[in-house]
Amino acid sequence: MSLFRGKGIRKSKTQTLVNYIVDDFLVENTITVIYGPPKQGKTMFLLGLTKWIYNNTNMFVEYFDFDNPLIAMQDRKADELWEELNDRFDYIHPEELEKNMRDEEALFVEAKEVLDELVKAADVREKNYKNTVMIFDSASDFCDETSDSSVKLFMSKLKRLRIAGATVIILHHTNKRDPNHKGSTIFKSASDCMYKLKNEYEDETGKTYILEKDDARFRVKDCAFKLSVEDFNIDILEYTEVCIPVHEQLDIRKVTVALRQNKVPMKQGELLDKALETTSANKNATAFLNKYEGKHWKSEPKGQSKIYSLI
């Protein structure tokens, strides 16, 4: 008789609900890969996400950064974040790790050794990593990203952390000459969700990111976020709003400026003439007003036409 006879999963043990840490984006107890080109602010985004998790959940975050020099993180004011969130946030960095562990029996500062210690301590029965988000920055420090066997071993270790209850996020990079994630395809096949990150635009107040779903086992969506560079606060934005074509963004600005300057509601024809230099006979123009009604402006019937005002 097989050793596993009678040990199969029964229905009562599989009734687990999917829990979203961030709606439509980050699922608890999964492995998520976030990749993007260099100099996009990927680490900054994940620190902002850390603060959002801290403020909106009771979860712990352990951030393993073996990529960025410590002085660069302090220059970005990340040290203020470490102090602010210290009761449920650990920022693990090799430059400090060696100092903190000099008195310990086991001294490990290499990324792979740190991961091995996490795996060794994982208790799949007790789920001792439940309620914990582990972020690994970046994948290339923990494995040879071009080697299938190395990536497979890396992902199998992360699966062990997931089985012990952890929510795992991996920061990864794109190839130099194309927008796809760098290295082995096992990153995609072995992860639960994968997003491509892009810094859509930035100004003096912060950075706006879009994260487009590359692959997923769960019902997640393309998302957008605004990060404040002053305090790492993140706002969740409407993805479709952020991805408005440039010419439509310009027309939205023209319409809202016209409504603001006029101070009183404007008839449709008057608004189109002043803002877009066209008439109500232009079906594309009236369709544009309808498309963004309720988002940037509102209307009410006035005789055979409409009058518009800002929301």
Protein backbone atom coordinates (compact mmCIF):
# COMPACT_ATOMS: atom_id res chain seq x y z
CA MET A 1 0.00 0.00 0.00
CA SER A 2 1.22 3.52 -0.80
CA LEU A 3 2.77 5.54 2.03
CA PHE A 4 0.36 8.37 1.16
CA ARG A 5 -2.86 6.29 1.17
CA GLY A 6 -5.51 8.23 3.09
CA LYS A 7 -3.36 11.36 3.40
CA GLY A 8 -4.90 13.28 0.51
CA ILE A 9 -6.54 16.66 1.03
CA ARG A 10 -10.19 16.55 2.04
CA LYS A 11 -12.67 19.24 1.02
CA SER A 12 -12.98 20.69 4.53
CA LYS A 13 -9.25 21.48 4.49
CA THR A 14 -9.30 23.39 1.19
CA GLN A 15 -11.95 25.99 2.02
CA THR A 16 -9.48 28.87 2.32
CA LEU A 17 -10.55 32.34 1.27
CA VAL A 18 -8.23 34.52 -0.78
CA ASN A 19 -7.23 37.53 1.30
CA TYR A 20 -6.07 40.69 -0.47
CA ILE A 21 -3.57 42.79 1.44
CA VAL A 22 -4.02 45.46 -1.24
CA ASP A 23 -7.27 45.06 -3.19
CA ASP A 24 -6.81 43.66 -6.71
CA PHE A 25 -3.02 43.76 -6.33
CA LEU A 26 -1.28 41.96 -3.46
CA VAL A 27 -2.61 38.60 -2.24
CA GLU A 28 -1.63 37.29 1.17
CA ASN A 29 0.45 34.09 1.34
CA THR A 30 1.65 34.26 -2.27
CA ILE A 31 4.88 34.87 -4.16
CA THR A 32 4.77 38.08 -6.20
CA VAL A 33 7.49 39.22 -8.62
CA ILE A 34 7.69 42.94 -9.44
CA TYR A 35 10.15 43.83 -12.21
CA GLY A 36 11.07 46.94 -14.13
CA PRO A 37 13.88 48.87 -15.83
CA PRO A 38 16.68 50.43 -13.77
CA LYS A 39 16.27 53.88 -12.22
CA GLN A 40 12.48 53.64 -12.04
CA GLY A 41 12.32 53.90 -8.26
CA LYS A 42 11.36 50.27 -7.63
CA THR A 43 12.88 50.22 -4.14
CA MET A 44 11.19 53.53 -3.29
CA PHE A 45 7.87 52.06 -4.37
CA LEU A 46 8.32 48.99 -2.19
CA LEU A 47 9.23 51.14 0.82
CA GLY A 48 6.03 53.09 0.18
CA LEU A 49 4.13 49.82 -0.06
CA THR A 50 5.72 48.79 3.25
CA LYS A 51 4.37 51.93 4.91
CA TRP A 52 0.91 51.32 3.39
CA ILE A 53 0.89 47.76 4.78
CA TYR A 54 2.01 49.10 8.18
CA ASN A 55 -0.76 51.72 8.27
CA ASN A 56 -3.57 49.55 6.91
CA THR A 57 -2.92 46.09 8.34
CA ASN A 58 -1.41 44.47 11.42
CA MET A 59 1.22 42.62 9.39
CA PHE A 60 4.98 42.66 9.90
CA VAL A 61 7.33 43.50 7.03
CA GLU A 62 10.89 42.20 6.70
CA TYR A 63 12.76 43.94 3.88
CA PHE A 64 15.96 42.18 2.78
CA ASP A 65 17.95 44.71 0.75
CA PHE A 66 21.18 43.31 -0.67
CA ASP A 67 21.15 45.58 -3.71
CA ASN A 68 21.27 49.23 -2.61
CA PRO A 69 24.17 50.81 -0.71
CA LEU A 70 23.13 51.95 2.74
CA ILE A 71 24.28 55.53 2.16
CA ALA A 72 21.97 55.78 -0.86
CA MET A 73 18.99 54.68 1.22
CA GLN A 74 19.78 57.23 3.89
CA ASP A 75 20.06 59.90 1.21
CA ARG A 76 16.50 59.00 0.16
CA LYS A 77 15.36 59.47 3.80
CA ALA A 78 14.63 55.77 4.19
CA ASP A 79 16.23 55.89 7.65
CA GLU A 80 13.31 58.04 8.83
CA LEU A 81 10.97 55.28 7.72
CA TRP A 82 12.94 52.62 9.60
CA GLU A 83 12.56 54.61 12.80
CA GLU A 84 8.89 55.43 12.24
CA LEU A 85 7.79 51.83 11.61
CA ASN A 86 10.25 50.02 13.87
CA ASP A 87 7.72 47.94 15.85
CA ARG A 88 6.51 46.02 12.78
CA PHE A 89 9.23 46.65 10.22
CA ASP A 90 12.78 45.33 9.91
CA TYR A 91 15.06 46.62 7.17
CA ILE A 92 17.75 43.98 6.81
CA HIS A 93 20.95 45.22 5.16
CA PRO A 94 24.32 43.42 5.00
CA GLU A 95 26.27 46.51 6.11
CA GLU A 96 24.36 46.60 9.41
CA LEU A 97 23.62 42.90 9.69
CA GLU A 98 27.25 42.02 10.29
CA LYS A 99 27.51 44.57 13.13
CA ASN A 100 24.31 43.35 14.79
CA MET A 101 25.28 39.68 14.64
CA ARG A 102 28.92 39.77 15.77
CA ASP A 103 27.98 38.23 19.10
CA GLU A 104 25.82 35.50 17.58
CA GLU A 105 27.10 32.00 16.98
CA ALA A 106 26.12 32.06 13.33
CA LEU A 107 27.45 34.98 11.32
CA PHE A 108 25.82 35.25 7.91
CA VAL A 109 25.77 38.33 5.74
CA GLU A 110 25.59 36.86 2.25
CA ALA A 111 22.12 37.02 0.68
CA LYS A 112 21.91 33.29 -0.01
CA GLU A 113 22.97 32.48 3.55
CA VAL A 114 20.31 34.79 4.96
CA LEU A 115 17.67 33.08 2.82
CA ASP A 116 18.89 29.67 3.93
CA GLU A 117 18.50 30.73 7.58
CA LEU A 118 14.93 31.84 6.88
CA VAL A 119 14.17 28.50 5.22
CA LYS A 120 15.79 26.56 8.07
CA ALA A 121 13.61 28.39 10.61
CA ALA A 122 10.39 27.97 8.60
CA ASP A 123 7.85 25.80 10.43
CA VAL A 124 5.25 24.61 7.97
CA ARG A 125 3.12 23.06 10.71
CA GLU A 126 3.03 26.08 13.00
CA LYS A 127 2.95 28.59 10.11
CA ASN A 128 5.42 30.76 12.00
CA TYR A 129 5.73 33.23 9.10
CA LYS A 130 2.02 33.94 8.93
CA ASN A 131 1.16 37.64 9.07
CA THR A 132 4.61 38.48 7.67
CA VAL A 133 5.53 40.09 4.34
CA MET A 134 9.08 39.30 3.20
CA ILE A 135 10.57 41.51 0.48
CA PHE A 136 13.75 40.45 -1.37
CA ASP A 137 15.65 43.23 -3.16
CA SER A 138 16.77 42.08 -5.60
CA ALA A 139 16.53 38.63 -7.18
CA SER A 140 20.03 38.76 -8.68
CA ASP A 141 21.54 38.90 -5.17
CA PHE A 142 19.84 35.67 -4.12
CA CYS A 143 20.38 33.57 -7.26
CA ASP A 144 21.99 33.50 -10.68
CA GLU A 145 19.03 34.90 -12.61
CA THR A 146 20.30 33.50 -15.93
CA SER A 147 20.50 29.92 -14.67
CA ASP A 148 17.33 27.82 -14.66
CA SER A 149 18.70 25.53 -11.94
CA SER A 150 19.70 28.45 -9.70
CA VAL A 151 16.37 30.23 -10.13
CA LYS A 152 14.48 26.98 -9.57
CA LEU A 153 16.33 26.43 -6.28
CA PHE A 154 15.69 30.05 -5.24
CA MET A 155 11.97 29.81 -5.99
CA SER A 156 11.69 26.47 -4.18
CA LYS A 157 13.11 28.13 -1.06
CA LEU A 158 10.59 30.93 -1.37
CA LYS A 159 7.81 28.36 -1.69
CA ARG A 160 8.97 26.93 1.63
CA LEU A 161 8.53 30.39 3.17
CA ARG A 162 5.09 30.63 1.59
CA ILE A 163 4.07 27.24 3.00
CA ALA A 164 5.13 28.54 6.43
CA GLY A 165 2.67 31.42 5.97
CA ALA A 166 4.79 34.22 4.50
CA THR A 167 3.74 36.65 1.79
CA VAL A 168 6.78 37.00 -0.47
CA ILE A 169 7.64 39.88 -2.81
CA ILE A 170 10.66 39.70 -5.14
CA LEU A 171 12.12 42.76 -6.82
CA HIS A 172 13.57 41.97 -10.23
CA HIS A 173 14.92 43.74 -13.32
CA THR A 174 14.23 43.84 -17.06
CA ASN A 175 16.63 42.87 -19.80
CA LYS A 176 18.79 45.64 -21.23
CA ARG A 177 17.40 45.41 -24.76
CA ASP A 178 13.78 44.44 -24.23
CA PRO A 179 11.06 45.13 -21.67
CA ASN A 180 10.67 41.55 -20.42
CA HIS A 181 11.92 40.36 -17.06
CA LYS A 182 15.57 39.38 -16.94
CA GLY A 183 16.81 35.82 -16.95
CA SER A 184 15.06 32.50 -16.52
CA THR A 185 11.40 31.96 -17.41
CA ILE A 186 11.08 30.06 -14.12
CA PHE A 187 10.51 33.40 -12.38
CA LYS A 188 7.16 33.56 -14.13
CA SER A 189 6.16 29.91 -13.95
CA ALA A 190 7.05 29.50 -10.26
CA SER A 191 5.55 32.76 -8.94
CA ASP A 192 1.89 33.36 -8.16
CA CYS A 193 1.67 36.89 -9.54
CA MET A 194 4.01 38.95 -11.70
CA TYR A 195 3.87 42.67 -12.43
CA LYS A 196 5.84 44.99 -14.65
CA LEU A 197 6.48 48.32 -12.88
CA LYS A 198 6.88 51.63 -14.67
CA ASN A 199 7.42 55.11 -13.30
CA GLU A 200 4.73 56.76 -15.42
CA TYR A 201 5.64 60.31 -14.43
CA GLU A 202 6.95 62.32 -11.51
CA ASP A 203 7.03 65.89 -10.24
CA GLU A 204 8.19 67.72 -7.14
CA THR A 205 5.49 66.03 -5.04
CA GLY A 206 6.21 62.42 -5.91
CA LYS A 207 6.23 59.55 -8.37
CA THR A 208 3.28 57.93 -10.11
CA TYR A 209 3.69 54.23 -10.86
CA ILE A 210 1.71 51.83 -12.97
CA LEU A 211 1.99 48.08 -12.38
CA GLU A 212 0.74 45.97 -15.23
CA LYS A 213 -0.15 42.34 -14.64
CA ASP A 214 2.21 40.08 -16.55
CA ASP A 215 0.94 36.77 -15.22
CA ALA A 216 -1.13 35.63 -12.24
CA ARG A 217 -2.89 32.69 -10.62
CA PHE A 218 -5.26 35.05 -8.83
CA ARG A 219 -7.80 37.69 -9.79
CA VAL A 220 -5.51 40.70 -9.73
CA LYS A 221 -5.56 43.74 -12.01
CA ASP A 222 -3.36 46.44 -13.47
CA CYS A 223 -2.84 49.05 -10.74
CA ALA A 224 -1.53 52.56 -10.21
CA PHE A 225 -0.04 54.30 -7.18
CA LYS A 226 1.22 57.77 -6.24
CA LEU A 227 4.23 57.88 -3.91
CA SER A 228 5.10 60.96 -1.87
CA VAL A 229 8.87 61.39 -1.90
CA GLU A 230 8.70 63.33 1.36
CA ASP A 231 7.14 60.74 3.64
CA PHE A 232 6.73 57.52 1.58
CA ASN A 233 2.93 57.71 1.78
CA ILE A 234 1.23 55.89 -1.07
CA ASP A 235 -2.16 56.65 -2.58
CA ILE A 236 -3.95 54.03 -4.67
CA LEU A 237 -5.05 55.56 -7.98
CA GLU A 238 -7.47 54.51 -10.68
CA TYR A 239 -5.34 52.74 -13.29
CA THR A 240 -7.48 53.82 -16.22
CA GLU A 241 -7.19 57.46 -15.11
CA VAL A 242 -3.40 57.33 -14.94
CA CYS A 243 -3.21 55.68 -18.35
CA ILE A 244 -5.30 58.32 -20.12
CA PRO A 245 -3.68 59.13 -23.50
CA VAL A 246 -1.65 62.34 -23.50
CA HIS A 247 -3.96 64.13 -25.94
CA GLU A 248 -6.97 63.34 -23.74
CA GLN A 249 -5.12 64.53 -20.63
CA LEU A 250 -4.56 67.84 -22.43
CA ASP A 251 -8.23 68.12 -23.42
CA ILE A 252 -9.35 67.31 -19.86
CA ARG A 253 -7.15 70.13 -18.63
CA LYS A 254 -8.62 72.53 -21.21
CA VAL A 255 -12.20 71.66 -20.24
CA THR A 256 -11.59 71.93 -16.50
CA VAL A 257 -9.79 75.26 -16.93
CA ALA A 258 -12.70 76.62 -18.99
CA LEU A 259 -15.24 75.53 -16.38
CA ARG A 260 -13.17 76.98 -13.55
CA GLN A 261 -12.69 80.32 -15.29
CA ASN A 262 -16.36 80.61 -16.22
CA LYS A 263 -17.44 80.11 -12.57
CA VAL A 264 -21.03 79.27 -13.57
CA PRO A 265 -22.27 76.18 -15.47
CA MET A 266 -21.68 76.23 -19.23
CA LYS A 267 -23.85 74.97 -22.06
CA GLN A 268 -22.36 72.11 -24.02
CA GLY A 269 -21.85 74.14 -27.19
CA GLU A 270 -20.31 77.04 -25.30
CA LEU A 271 -17.96 74.71 -23.43
CA LEU A 272 -16.82 72.88 -26.54
CA ASP A 273 -16.26 76.13 -28.38
CA LYS A 274 -14.23 77.75 -25.60
CA ALA A 275 -12.23 74.70 -24.48
CA LEU A 276 -11.79 72.59 -27.59
CA GLU A 277 -12.64 74.98 -30.42
CA THR A 278 -15.37 72.74 -31.83
CA THR A 279 -19.14 72.35 -31.69
CA SER A 280 -21.79 69.92 -30.44
CA ALA A 281 -21.99 68.54 -33.96
CA ASN A 282 -18.60 66.94 -33.39
CA LYS A 283 -19.55 63.46 -32.16
CA ASN A 284 -16.03 62.69 -30.98
CA ALA A 285 -16.06 65.81 -28.82
CA THR A 286 -19.43 65.04 -27.23
CA ALA A 287 -18.33 61.43 -26.67
CA PHE A 288 -15.24 62.79 -24.90
CA LEU A 289 -17.42 64.87 -22.56
CA ASN A 290 -19.56 61.80 -21.84
CA LYS A 291 -16.51 59.62 -21.22
CA TYR A 292 -15.19 61.75 -18.36
CA GLU A 293 -18.51 62.91 -16.97
CA GLY A 294 -18.73 62.00 -13.31
CA LYS A 295 -14.94 61.94 -13.04
CA HIS A 296 -13.86 65.47 -13.85
CA TRP A 297 -17.14 67.28 -14.47
CA LYS A 298 -20.88 66.78 -14.14
CA SER A 299 -23.86 67.80 -16.26
CA GLU A 300 -27.58 68.31 -16.01
CA PRO A 301 -30.20 68.72 -18.73
CA LYS A 302 -31.03 72.25 -19.88
CA GLY A 303 -33.71 72.33 -22.56
CA GLN A 304 -32.46 70.39 -25.58
CA SER A 305 -28.86 70.53 -24.35
CA LYS A 306 -26.80 70.11 -21.19
CA ILE A 307 -25.00 72.44 -18.84
CA TYR A 308 -21.65 71.45 -17.35
CA SER A 309 -19.87 72.29 -14.11
CA LEU A 310 -16.87 70.96 -12.17
CA ILE A 311 -17.40 68.19 -9.63
